[in-house]
All heavy atoms as atom14 arrays in JSON, in Angstrom:
{
  "sequence": "ISRSGDSAYYAESVKGRFTISRENARNTVFLQMNSLKPEDTAVYSCVT",
  "atom14_mask": [
    [1, 1, 1, 1, 1, 1, 1, 1, 0, 0, 0, 0, 0, 0],
    [1, 1, 1, 1, 1, 1, 0, 0, 0, 0, 0, 0, 0, 0],
    [1, 1, 1, 1, 1, 1, 1, 1, 1, 1, 1, 0, 0, 0],
    [1, 1, 1, 1, 1, 1, 0, 0, 0, 0, 0, 0, 0, 0],
    [1, 1, 1, 1, 0, 0, 0, 0, 0, 0, 0, 0, 0, 0],
    [1, 1, 1, 1, 1, 1, 1, 1, 0, 0, 0, 0, 0, 0],
    [1, 1, 1, 1, 1, 1, 0, 0, 0, 0, 0, 0, 0, 0],
    [1, 1, 1, 1, 1, 0, 0, 0, 0, 0, 0, 0, 0, 0],
    [1, 1, 1, 1, 1, 1, 1, 1, 1, 1, 1, 1, 0, 0],
    [1, 1, 1, 1, 1, 1, 1, 1, 1, 1, 1, 1, 0, 0],
    [1, 1, 1, 1, 1, 0, 0, 0, 0, 0, 0, 0, 0, 0],
    [1, 1, 1, 1, 1, 1, 1, 1, 1, 0, 0, 0, 0, 0],
    [1, 1, 1, 1, 1, 1, 0, 0, 0, 0, 0, 0, 0, 0],
    [1, 1, 1, 1, 1, 1, 1, 0, 0, 0, 0, 0, 0, 0],
    [1, 1, 1, 1, 1, 1, 1, 1, 1, 0, 0, 0, 0, 0],
    [1, 1, 1, 1, 0, 0, 0, 0, 0, 0, 0, 0, 0, 0],
    [1, 1, 1, 1, 1, 1, 1, 1, 1, 1, 1, 0, 0, 0],
    [1, 1, 1, 1, 1, 1, 1, 1, 1, 1, 1, 0, 0, 0],
    [1, 1, 1, 1, 1, 1, 1, 0, 0, 0, 0, 0, 0, 0],
    [1, 1, 1, 1, 1, 1, 1, 1, 0, 0, 0, 0, 0, 0],
    [1, 1, 1, 1, 1, 1, 0, 0, 0, 0, 0, 0, 0, 0],
    [1, 1, 1, 1, 1, 1, 1, 1, 1, 1, 1, 0, 0, 0],
    [1, 1, 1, 1, 1, 1, 1, 1, 1, 0, 0, 0, 0, 0],
    [1, 1, 1, 1, 1, 1, 1, 1, 0, 0, 0, 0, 0, 0],
    [1, 1, 1, 1, 1, 0, 0, 0, 0, 0, 0, 0, 0, 0],
    [1, 1, 1, 1, 1, 1, 1, 1, 1, 1, 1, 0, 0, 0],
    [1, 1, 1, 1, 1, 1, 1, 1, 0, 0, 0, 0, 0, 0],
    [1, 1, 1, 1, 1, 1, 1, 0, 0, 0, 0, 0, 0, 0],
    [1, 1, 1, 1, 1, 1, 1, 0, 0, 0, 0, 0, 0, 0],
    [1, 1, 1, 1, 1, 1, 1, 1, 1, 1, 1, 0, 0, 0],
    [1, 1, 1, 1, 1, 1, 1, 1, 0, 0, 0, 0, 0, 0],
    [1, 1, 1, 1, 1, 1, 1, 1, 1, 0, 0, 0, 0, 0],
    [1, 1, 1, 1, 1, 1, 1, 1, 0, 0, 0, 0, 0, 0],
    [1, 1, 1, 1, 1, 1, 1, 1, 0, 0, 0, 0, 0, 0],
    [1, 1, 1, 1, 1, 1, 0, 0, 0, 0, 0, 0, 0, 0],
    [1, 1, 1, 1, 1, 1, 1, 1, 0, 0, 0, 0, 0, 0],
    [1, 1, 1, 1, 1, 1, 1, 1, 1, 0, 0, 0, 0, 0],
    [1, 1, 1, 1, 1, 1, 1, 0, 0, 0, 0, 0, 0, 0],
    [1, 1, 1, 1, 1, 1, 1, 1, 1, 0, 0, 0, 0, 0],
    [1, 1, 1, 1, 1, 1, 1, 1, 0, 0, 0, 0, 0, 0],
    [1, 1, 1, 1, 1, 1, 1, 0, 0, 0, 0, 0, 0, 0],
    [1, 1, 1, 1, 1, 0, 0, 0, 0, 0, 0, 0, 0, 0],
    [1, 1, 1, 1, 1, 1, 1, 0, 0, 0, 0, 0, 0, 0],
    [1, 1, 1, 1, 1, 1, 1, 1, 1, 1, 1, 1, 0, 0],
    [1, 1, 1, 1, 1, 1, 0, 0, 0, 0, 0, 0, 0, 0],
    [1, 1, 1, 1, 1, 1, 0, 0, 0, 0, 0, 0, 0, 0],
    [1, 1, 1, 1, 1, 1, 1, 0, 0, 0, 0, 0, 0, 0],
    [1, 1, 1, 1, 1, 1, 1, 0, 0, 0, 0, 0, 0, 0]
  ],
  "atom14_positions": [
    [[9.77, 3.82, -14.69], [9.0, 4.64, -13.76], [9.55, 6.06, -13.77], [10.77, 6.27, -13.9], [9.02, 4.02, -12.36], [8.01, 4.71, -11.44], [10.43, 4.05, -11.75], [7.7, 3.92, -10.17], [0.0, 0.0, 0.0], [0.0, 0.0, 0.0], [0.0, 0.0, 0.0], [0.0, 0.0, 0.0], [0.0, 0.0, 0.0], [0.0, 0.0, 0.0]],
    [[8.65, 7.02, -13.67], [9.04, 8.42, -13.7], [9.71, 8.85, -12.4], [9.7, 8.12, -11.4], [7.81, 9.29, -13.95], [6.89, 9.13, -12.86], [0.0, 0.0, 0.0], [0.0, 0.0, 0.0], [0.0, 0.0, 0.0], [0.0, 0.0, 0.0], [0.0, 0.0, 0.0], [0.0, 0.0, 0.0], [0.0, 0.0, 0.0], [0.0, 0.0, 0.0]],
    [[10.28, 10.04, -12.41], [11.02, 10.55, -11.25], [10.16, 10.56, -9.99], [10.63, 10.21, -8.91], [11.52, 11.97, -11.54], [12.55, 12.07, -12.63], [12.88, 13.52, -12.96], [13.82, 13.62, -14.06], [13.45, 13.6, -15.33], [12.19, 13.48, -15.66], [14.38, 13.69, -16.28], [0.0, 0.0, 0.0], [0.0, 0.0, 0.0], [0.0, 0.0, 0.0]],
    [[8.92, 10.98, -10.15], [8.03, 11.08, -8.99], [7.39, 9.75, -8.63], [6.85, 9.6, -7.53], [6.94, 12.1, -9.29], [6.11, 11.62, -10.33], [0.0, 0.0, 0.0], [0.0, 0.0, 0.0], [0.0, 0.0, 0.0], [0.0, 0.0, 0.0], [0.0, 0.0, 0.0], [0.0, 0.0, 0.0], [0.0, 0.0, 0.0], [0.0, 0.0, 0.0]],
    [[7.41, 8.82, -9.56], [6.72, 7.55, -9.36], [5.28, 7.58, -9.81], [4.57, 6.58, -9.69], [0.0, 0.0, 0.0], [0.0, 0.0, 0.0], [0.0, 0.0, 0.0], [0.0, 0.0, 0.0], [0.0, 0.0, 0.0], [0.0, 0.0, 0.0], [0.0, 0.0, 0.0], [0.0, 0.0, 0.0], [0.0, 0.0, 0.0], [0.0, 0.0, 0.0]],
    [[4.84, 8.71, -10.35], [3.44, 8.84, -10.75], [3.12, 8.08, -12.04], [1.96, 7.76, -12.29], [3.08, 10.32, -10.95], [2.99, 11.07, -9.64], [2.94, 10.4, -8.58], [2.99, 12.31, -9.66], [0.0, 0.0, 0.0], [0.0, 0.0, 0.0], [0.0, 0.0, 0.0], [0.0, 0.0, 0.0], [0.0, 0.0, 0.0], [0.0, 0.0, 0.0]],
    [[4.12, 7.86, -12.87], [3.88, 7.2, -14.15], [4.74, 5.95, -14.25], [5.92, 5.98, -13.9], [4.21, 8.15, -15.31], [3.39, 9.29, -15.27], [0.0, 0.0, 0.0], [0.0, 0.0, 0.0], [0.0, 0.0, 0.0], [0.0, 0.0, 0.0], [0.0, 0.0, 0.0], [0.0, 0.0, 0.0], [0.0, 0.0, 0.0], [0.0, 0.0, 0.0]],
    [[4.13, 4.88, -14.75], [4.83, 3.61, -14.93], [4.51, 3.07, -16.32], [3.41, 3.3, -16.85], [4.43, 2.61, -13.87], [0.0, 0.0, 0.0], [0.0, 0.0, 0.0], [0.0, 0.0, 0.0], [0.0, 0.0, 0.0], [0.0, 0.0, 0.0], [0.0, 0.0, 0.0], [0.0, 0.0, 0.0], [0.0, 0.0, 0.0], [0.0, 0.0, 0.0]],
    [[5.45, 2.37, -16.89], [5.33, 1.86, -18.25], [5.82, 0.41, -18.26], [6.77, 0.08, -17.56], [6.16, 2.7, -19.22], [5.91, 4.19, -19.08], [6.63, 4.94, -18.16], [4.93, 4.81, -19.85], [6.38, 6.3, -18.01], [4.68, 6.17, -19.7], [5.4, 6.9, -18.78], [5.16, 8.25, -18.62], [0.0, 0.0, 0.0], [0.0, 0.0, 0.0]],
    [[5.18, -0.41, -19.09], [5.5, -1.83, -19.1], [5.58, -2.37, -20.51], [4.83, -1.92, -21.4], [4.45, -2.62, -18.33], [4.34, -2.24, -16.88], [3.41, -1.31, -16.45], [5.18, -2.82, -15.93], [3.32, -0.95, -15.12], [5.09, -2.47, -14.59], [4.17, -1.54, -14.19], [4.08, -1.18, -12.87], [0.0, 0.0, 0.0], [0.0, 0.0, 0.0]],
    [[6.43, -3.35, -20.7], [6.39, -4.12, -21.93], [5.13, -4.97, -21.93], [4.64, -5.38, -20.87], [7.63, -5.02, -22.01], [0.0, 0.0, 0.0], [0.0, 0.0, 0.0], [0.0, 0.0, 0.0], [0.0, 0.0, 0.0], [0.0, 0.0, 0.0], [0.0, 0.0, 0.0], [0.0, 0.0, 0.0], [0.0, 0.0, 0.0], [0.0, 0.0, 0.0]],
    [[4.6, -5.22, -23.12], [3.36, -6.01, -23.22], [3.53, -7.37, -22.58], [2.59, -7.9, -21.99], [2.96, -6.15, -24.69], [2.33, -4.93, -25.3], [1.01, -4.55, -24.64], [0.26, -5.47, -24.25], [0.75, -3.34, -24.5], [0.0, 0.0, 0.0], [0.0, 0.0, 0.0], [0.0, 0.0, 0.0], [0.0, 0.0, 0.0], [0.0, 0.0, 0.0]],
    [[4.71, -7.93, -22.68], [4.94, -9.29, -22.2], [4.86, -9.42, -20.68], [4.73, -10.53, -20.16], [6.31, -9.78, -22.67], [7.33, -8.93, -22.19], [0.0, 0.0, 0.0], [0.0, 0.0, 0.0], [0.0, 0.0, 0.0], [0.0, 0.0, 0.0], [0.0, 0.0, 0.0], [0.0, 0.0, 0.0], [0.0, 0.0, 0.0], [0.0, 0.0, 0.0]],
    [[4.93, -8.29, -19.96], [4.91, -8.36, -18.5], [3.72, -7.63, -17.89], [3.53, -7.68, -16.67], [6.23, -7.82, -17.89], [7.43, -8.52, -18.5], [6.34, -6.31, -18.04], [0.0, 0.0, 0.0], [0.0, 0.0, 0.0], [0.0, 0.0, 0.0], [0.0, 0.0, 0.0], [0.0, 0.0, 0.0], [0.0, 0.0, 0.0], [0.0, 0.0, 0.0]],
    [[2.94, -6.96, -18.71], [1.79, -6.22, -18.18], [0.86, -7.15, -17.42], [0.54, -8.25, -17.87], [1.02, -5.55, -19.33], [1.51, -4.18, -19.69], [0.63, -3.56, -20.75], [1.17, -2.21, -21.19], [0.37, -1.62, -22.27], [0.0, 0.0, 0.0], [0.0, 0.0, 0.0], [0.0, 0.0, 0.0], [0.0, 0.0, 0.0], [0.0, 0.0, 0.0]],
    [[0.42, -6.68, -16.26], [-0.48, -7.47, -15.44], [0.23, -8.45, -14.53], [-0.38, -9.03, -13.62], [0.0, 0.0, 0.0], [0.0, 0.0, 0.0], [0.0, 0.0, 0.0], [0.0, 0.0, 0.0], [0.0, 0.0, 0.0], [0.0, 0.0, 0.0], [0.0, 0.0, 0.0], [0.0, 0.0, 0.0], [0.0, 0.0, 0.0], [0.0, 0.0, 0.0]],
    [[1.53, -8.65, -14.75], [2.3, -9.58, -13.92], [3.39, -8.86, -13.12], [3.69, -9.25, -11.99], [2.96, -10.66, -14.78], [1.98, -11.5, -15.57], [2.68, -12.68, -16.25], [3.69, -12.26, -17.21], [4.96, -12.63, -17.15], [5.39, -13.42, -16.17], [5.83, -12.21, -18.07], [0.0, 0.0, 0.0], [0.0, 0.0, 0.0], [0.0, 0.0, 0.0]],
    [[3.99, -7.84, -13.69], [5.07, -7.1, -13.05], [4.57, -5.73, -12.62], [3.73, -5.12, -13.29], [6.25, -6.91, -14.0], [7.0, -8.15, -14.35], [6.53, -9.43, -14.03], [8.22, -8.06, -15.02], [7.24, -10.57, -14.36], [8.95, -9.18, -15.36], [8.45, -10.44, -15.02], [0.0, 0.0, 0.0], [0.0, 0.0, 0.0], [0.0, 0.0, 0.0]],
    [[5.12, -5.23, -11.51], [4.8, -3.89, -11.03], [6.1, -3.18, -10.64], [6.88, -3.72, -9.84], [3.87, -3.93, -9.82], [2.66, -4.62, -10.17], [3.52, -2.52, -9.37], [0.0, 0.0, 0.0], [0.0, 0.0, 0.0], [0.0, 0.0, 0.0], [0.0, 0.0, 0.0], [0.0, 0.0, 0.0], [0.0, 0.0, 0.0], [0.0, 0.0, 0.0]],
    [[6.29, -2.0, -11.21], [7.46, -1.19, -10.87], [7.02, -0.11, -9.89], [5.92, 0.46, -10.01], [8.12, -0.59, -12.13], [9.46, 0.06, -11.78], [7.19, 0.38, -12.83], [10.27, 0.46, -13.02], [0.0, 0.0, 0.0], [0.0, 0.0, 0.0], [0.0, 0.0, 0.0], [0.0, 0.0, 0.0], [0.0, 0.0, 0.0], [0.0, 0.0, 0.0]],
    [[7.86, 0.17, -8.9], [7.56, 1.21, -7.92], [8.88, 1.8, -7.43], [9.95, 1.25, -7.71], [6.75, 0.63, -6.76], [7.5, -0.37, -6.08], [0.0, 0.0, 0.0], [0.0, 0.0, 0.0], [0.0, 0.0, 0.0], [0.0, 0.0, 0.0], [0.0, 0.0, 0.0], [0.0, 0.0, 0.0], [0.0, 0.0, 0.0], [0.0, 0.0, 0.0]],
    [[8.78, 2.9, -6.71], [10.01, 3.5, -6.18], [9.74, 4.16, -4.84], [8.63, 4.61, -4.58], [10.61, 4.51, -7.16], [9.83, 5.76, -7.4], [10.43, 6.56, -8.56], [11.77, 7.07, -8.29], [12.6, 7.5, -9.24], [12.25, 7.46, -10.51], [13.8, 7.97, -8.9], [0.0, 0.0, 0.0], [0.0, 0.0, 0.0], [0.0, 0.0, 0.0]],
    [[10.79, 4.21, -4.02], [10.78, 4.92, -2.75], [11.97, 5.86, -2.77], [13.1, 5.46, -2.49], [10.87, 3.95, -1.58], [9.65, 3.06, -1.41], [9.72, 2.21, -0.17], [10.52, 2.53, 0.75], [8.99, 1.2, -0.11], [0.0, 0.0, 0.0], [0.0, 0.0, 0.0], [0.0, 0.0, 0.0], [0.0, 0.0, 0.0], [0.0, 0.0, 0.0]],
    [[11.71, 7.11, -3.12], [12.81, 8.06, -3.27], [13.55, 8.29, -1.94], [14.75, 8.55, -1.95], [12.3, 9.36, -3.84], [12.04, 9.27, -5.34], [12.54, 8.35, -6.01], [11.25, 10.17, -5.87], [0.0, 0.0, 0.0], [0.0, 0.0, 0.0], [0.0, 0.0, 0.0], [0.0, 0.0, 0.0], [0.0, 0.0, 0.0], [0.0, 0.0, 0.0]],
    [[12.84, 8.18, -0.84], [13.5, 8.38, 0.46], [14.54, 7.3, 0.73], [15.47, 7.5, 1.51], [12.46, 8.38, 1.57], [0.0, 0.0, 0.0], [0.0, 0.0, 0.0], [0.0, 0.0, 0.0], [0.0, 0.0, 0.0], [0.0, 0.0, 0.0], [0.0, 0.0, 0.0], [0.0, 0.0, 0.0], [0.0, 0.0, 0.0], [0.0, 0.0, 0.0]],
    [[14.38, 6.15, 0.06], [15.33, 5.04, 0.22], [16.19, 4.85, -1.01], [16.92, 3.86, -1.11], [14.56, 3.76, 0.52], [13.82, 3.76, 1.83], [12.9, 2.55, 1.97], [13.6, 1.29, 1.86], [13.01, 0.1, 1.82], [11.7, 0.03, 1.88], [13.71, -1.01, 1.73], [0.0, 0.0, 0.0], [0.0, 0.0, 0.0], [0.0, 0.0, 0.0]],
    [[16.09, 5.79, -1.96], [16.87, 5.7, -3.2], [16.73, 4.33, -3.87], [17.71, 3.76, -4.37], [18.36, 5.96, -2.92], [18.65, 7.42, -2.62], [17.78, 8.27, -2.75], [19.87, 7.7, -2.21], [0.0, 0.0, 0.0], [0.0, 0.0, 0.0], [0.0, 0.0, 0.0], [0.0, 0.0, 0.0], [0.0, 0.0, 0.0], [0.0, 0.0, 0.0]],
    [[15.51, 3.83, -3.9], [15.3, 2.46, -4.37], [14.13, 2.38, -5.35], [13.1, 3.02, -5.14], [15.03, 1.51, -3.19], [16.11, 1.61, -2.26], [14.89, 0.07, -3.67], [0.0, 0.0, 0.0], [0.0, 0.0, 0.0], [0.0, 0.0, 0.0], [0.0, 0.0, 0.0], [0.0, 0.0, 0.0], [0.0, 0.0, 0.0], [0.0, 0.0, 0.0]],
    [[14.32, 1.59, -6.39], [13.25, 1.2, -7.3], [13.06, -0.31, -7.18], [14.04, -1.05, -7.11], [13.59, 1.58, -8.75], [12.62, 0.93, -9.72], [13.55, 3.1, -8.92], [0.0, 0.0, 0.0], [0.0, 0.0, 0.0], [0.0, 0.0, 0.0], [0.0, 0.0, 0.0], [0.0, 0.0, 0.0], [0.0, 0.0, 0.0], [0.0, 0.0, 0.0]],
    [[11.8, -0.72, -7.16], [11.47, -2.14, -7.03], [10.82, -2.65, -8.31], [10.15, -1.89, -9.02], [10.5, -2.36, -5.88], [11.03, -1.92, -4.54], [10.63, -0.7, -4.01], [11.92, -2.7, -3.84], [11.11, -0.27, -2.77], [12.41, -2.29, -2.61], [12.0, -1.07, -2.08], [0.0, 0.0, 0.0], [0.0, 0.0, 0.0], [0.0, 0.0, 0.0]],
    [[11.0, -3.92, -8.57], [10.27, -4.6, -9.63], [9.67, -5.86, -9.02], [10.4, -6.83, -8.76], [11.17, -4.95, -10.82], [10.44, -5.54, -12.01], [9.53, -4.5, -12.66], [11.44, -6.09, -13.05], [0.0, 0.0, 0.0], [0.0, 0.0, 0.0], [0.0, 0.0, 0.0], [0.0, 0.0, 0.0], [0.0, 0.0, 0.0], [0.0, 0.0, 0.0]],
    [[8.37, -5.81, -8.76], [7.66, -6.97, -8.24], [7.23, -7.83, -9.41], [6.52, -7.35, -10.31], [6.44, -6.54, -7.43], [5.61, -7.67, -6.9], [6.33, -8.49, -5.85], [6.97, -7.93, -4.96], [6.24, -9.81, -5.93], [0.0, 0.0, 0.0], [0.0, 0.0, 0.0], [0.0, 0.0, 0.0], [0.0, 0.0, 0.0], [0.0, 0.0, 0.0]],
    [[7.67, -9.07, -9.42], [7.4, -9.97, -10.54], [6.58, -11.14, -10.03], [7.04, -11.93, -9.2], [8.71, -10.47, -11.15], [9.66, -9.33, -11.55], [11.12, -9.91, -12.43], [11.89, -10.92, -11.19], [0.0, 0.0, 0.0], [0.0, 0.0, 0.0], [0.0, 0.0, 0.0], [0.0, 0.0, 0.0], [0.0, 0.0, 0.0], [0.0, 0.0, 0.0]],
    [[5.36, -11.25, -10.52], [4.45, -12.33, -10.15], [4.16, -13.21, -11.36], [4.41, -12.81, -12.49], [3.15, -11.75, -9.6], [3.35, -10.91, -8.35], [4.26, -11.16, -7.55], [2.51, -9.91, -8.17], [0.0, 0.0, 0.0], [0.0, 0.0, 0.0], [0.0, 0.0, 0.0], [0.0, 0.0, 0.0], [0.0, 0.0, 0.0], [0.0, 0.0, 0.0]],
    [[3.61, -14.37, -11.1], [3.24, -15.32, -12.16], [4.39, -15.5, -13.14], [4.2, -15.44, -14.36], [1.98, -14.82, -12.89], [0.91, -14.64, -12.0], [0.0, 0.0, 0.0], [0.0, 0.0, 0.0], [0.0, 0.0, 0.0], [0.0, 0.0, 0.0], [0.0, 0.0, 0.0], [0.0, 0.0, 0.0], [0.0, 0.0, 0.0], [0.0, 0.0, 0.0]],
    [[5.54, -15.74, -12.62], [6.72, -15.84, -13.47], [6.66, -17.04, -14.39], [6.1, -18.09, -14.04], [7.98, -15.91, -12.61], [8.42, -14.55, -12.04], [9.35, -14.73, -10.86], [9.08, -13.72, -13.12], [0.0, 0.0, 0.0], [0.0, 0.0, 0.0], [0.0, 0.0, 0.0], [0.0, 0.0, 0.0], [0.0, 0.0, 0.0], [0.0, 0.0, 0.0]],
    [[7.23, -16.85, -15.57], [7.24, -17.88, -16.61], [8.7, -18.21, -16.96], [9.58, -17.36, -16.78], [6.53, -17.37, -17.86], [5.12, -16.88, -17.64], [4.56, -16.27, -18.91], [3.14, -15.75, -18.7], [2.58, -15.15, -19.94], [0.0, 0.0, 0.0], [0.0, 0.0, 0.0], [0.0, 0.0, 0.0], [0.0, 0.0, 0.0], [0.0, 0.0, 0.0]],
    [[8.93, -19.39, -17.49], [10.3, -19.73, -17.89], [10.9, -18.7, -18.85], [12.11, -18.43, -18.8], [10.15, -21.1, -18.55], [8.99, -21.71, -17.83], [8.05, -20.56, -17.59], [0.0, 0.0, 0.0], [0.0, 0.0, 0.0], [0.0, 0.0, 0.0], [0.0, 0.0, 0.0], [0.0, 0.0, 0.0], [0.0, 0.0, 0.0], [0.0, 0.0, 0.0]],
    [[10.08, -18.1, -19.7], [10.59, -17.11, -20.65], [10.98, -15.78, -20.0], [11.51, -14.9, -20.66], [9.58, -16.86, -21.78], [8.17, -16.54, -21.31], [7.27, -17.76, -21.3], [7.73, -18.85, -20.87], [6.1, -17.63, -21.72], [0.0, 0.0, 0.0], [0.0, 0.0, 0.0], [0.0, 0.0, 0.0], [0.0, 0.0, 0.0], [0.0, 0.0, 0.0]],
    [[10.71, -15.64, -18.71], [11.19, -14.46, -17.97], [12.64, -14.63, -17.52], [13.23, -13.68, -16.98], [10.31, -14.2, -16.74], [8.9, -13.81, -17.1], [8.72, -13.0, -18.04], [7.97, -14.31, -16.44], [0.0, 0.0, 0.0], [0.0, 0.0, 0.0], [0.0, 0.0, 0.0], [0.0, 0.0, 0.0], [0.0, 0.0, 0.0], [0.0, 0.0, 0.0]],
    [[13.2, -15.8, -17.71], [14.58, -16.04, -17.32], [15.53, -15.13, -18.07], [15.51, -15.07, -19.31], [14.97, -17.52, -17.59], [14.17, -18.36, -16.74], [16.44, -17.76, -17.31], [0.0, 0.0, 0.0], [0.0, 0.0, 0.0], [0.0, 0.0, 0.0], [0.0, 0.0, 0.0], [0.0, 0.0, 0.0], [0.0, 0.0, 0.0], [0.0, 0.0, 0.0]],
    [[16.33, -14.37, -17.32], [17.24, -13.4, -17.92], [18.05, -12.73, -16.82], [17.76, -12.9, -15.63], [16.47, -12.34, -18.7], [0.0, 0.0, 0.0], [0.0, 0.0, 0.0], [0.0, 0.0, 0.0], [0.0, 0.0, 0.0], [0.0, 0.0, 0.0], [0.0, 0.0, 0.0], [0.0, 0.0, 0.0], [0.0, 0.0, 0.0], [0.0, 0.0, 0.0]],
    [[19.01, -11.95, -17.24], [19.68, -11.02, -16.32], [18.92, -9.7, -16.38], [18.73, -9.14, -17.46], [21.16, -10.79, -16.7], [21.78, -9.72, -15.81], [21.94, -12.1, -16.59], [0.0, 0.0, 0.0], [0.0, 0.0, 0.0], [0.0, 0.0, 0.0], [0.0, 0.0, 0.0], [0.0, 0.0, 0.0], [0.0, 0.0, 0.0], [0.0, 0.0, 0.0]],
    [[18.5, -9.23, -15.22], [17.72, -8.0, -15.13], [18.62, -6.88, -14.62], [19.3, -7.03, -13.59], [16.55, -8.19, -14.17], [15.43, -9.02, -14.75], [15.58, -10.39, -14.97], [14.21, -8.44, -15.09], [14.58, -11.15, -15.53], [13.18, -9.2, -15.64], [13.37, -10.54, -15.85], [12.35, -11.29, -16.39], [0.0, 0.0, 0.0], [0.0, 0.0, 0.0]],
    [[18.56, -5.76, -15.33], [19.41, -4.62, -14.98], [18.57, -3.35, -14.92], [17.66, -3.17, -15.74], [20.52, -4.43, -16.02], [21.35, -5.57, -16.11], [0.0, 0.0, 0.0], [0.0, 0.0, 0.0], [0.0, 0.0, 0.0], [0.0, 0.0, 0.0], [0.0, 0.0, 0.0], [0.0, 0.0, 0.0], [0.0, 0.0, 0.0], [0.0, 0.0, 0.0]],
    [[18.92, -2.47, -14.0], [18.25, -1.17, -13.95], [19.16, -0.12, -14.58], [20.39, -0.29, -14.63], [17.84, -0.79, -12.54], [19.16, -0.75, -11.3], [0.0, 0.0, 0.0], [0.0, 0.0, 0.0], [0.0, 0.0, 0.0], [0.0, 0.0, 0.0], [0.0, 0.0, 0.0], [0.0, 0.0, 0.0], [0.0, 0.0, 0.0], [0.0, 0.0, 0.0]],
    [[18.54, 0.95, -15.04], [19.28, 1.98, -15.79], [18.6, 3.33, -15.6], [17.38, 3.4, -15.38], [19.34, 1.6, -17.28], [17.95, 1.59, -17.9], [20.29, 2.5, -18.06], [0.0, 0.0, 0.0], [0.0, 0.0, 0.0], [0.0, 0.0, 0.0], [0.0, 0.0, 0.0], [0.0, 0.0, 0.0], [0.0, 0.0, 0.0], [0.0, 0.0, 0.0]],
    [[19.37, 4.38, -15.73], [18.81, 5.73, -15.6], [18.25, 6.24, -16.93], [18.81, 5.98, -18.0], [19.89, 6.7, -15.12], [21.02, 6.63, -15.99], [20.34, 6.36, -13.7], [0.0, 0.0, 0.0], [0.0, 0.0, 0.0], [0.0, 0.0, 0.0], [0.0, 0.0, 0.0], [0.0, 0.0, 0.0], [0.0, 0.0, 0.0], [0.0, 0.0, 0.0]]
  ]
}
């Protein structure tokens, strides 16, 4: 997700199921993950 939150990008494997968003006032980025599949099992990390 971009600095302003106006632009978001997704891997093909999660498009339509995951949504990234941010609240700059709370210094937080969210990843909403729906319709989870066993192949989504992993350690998830955020990065700048």
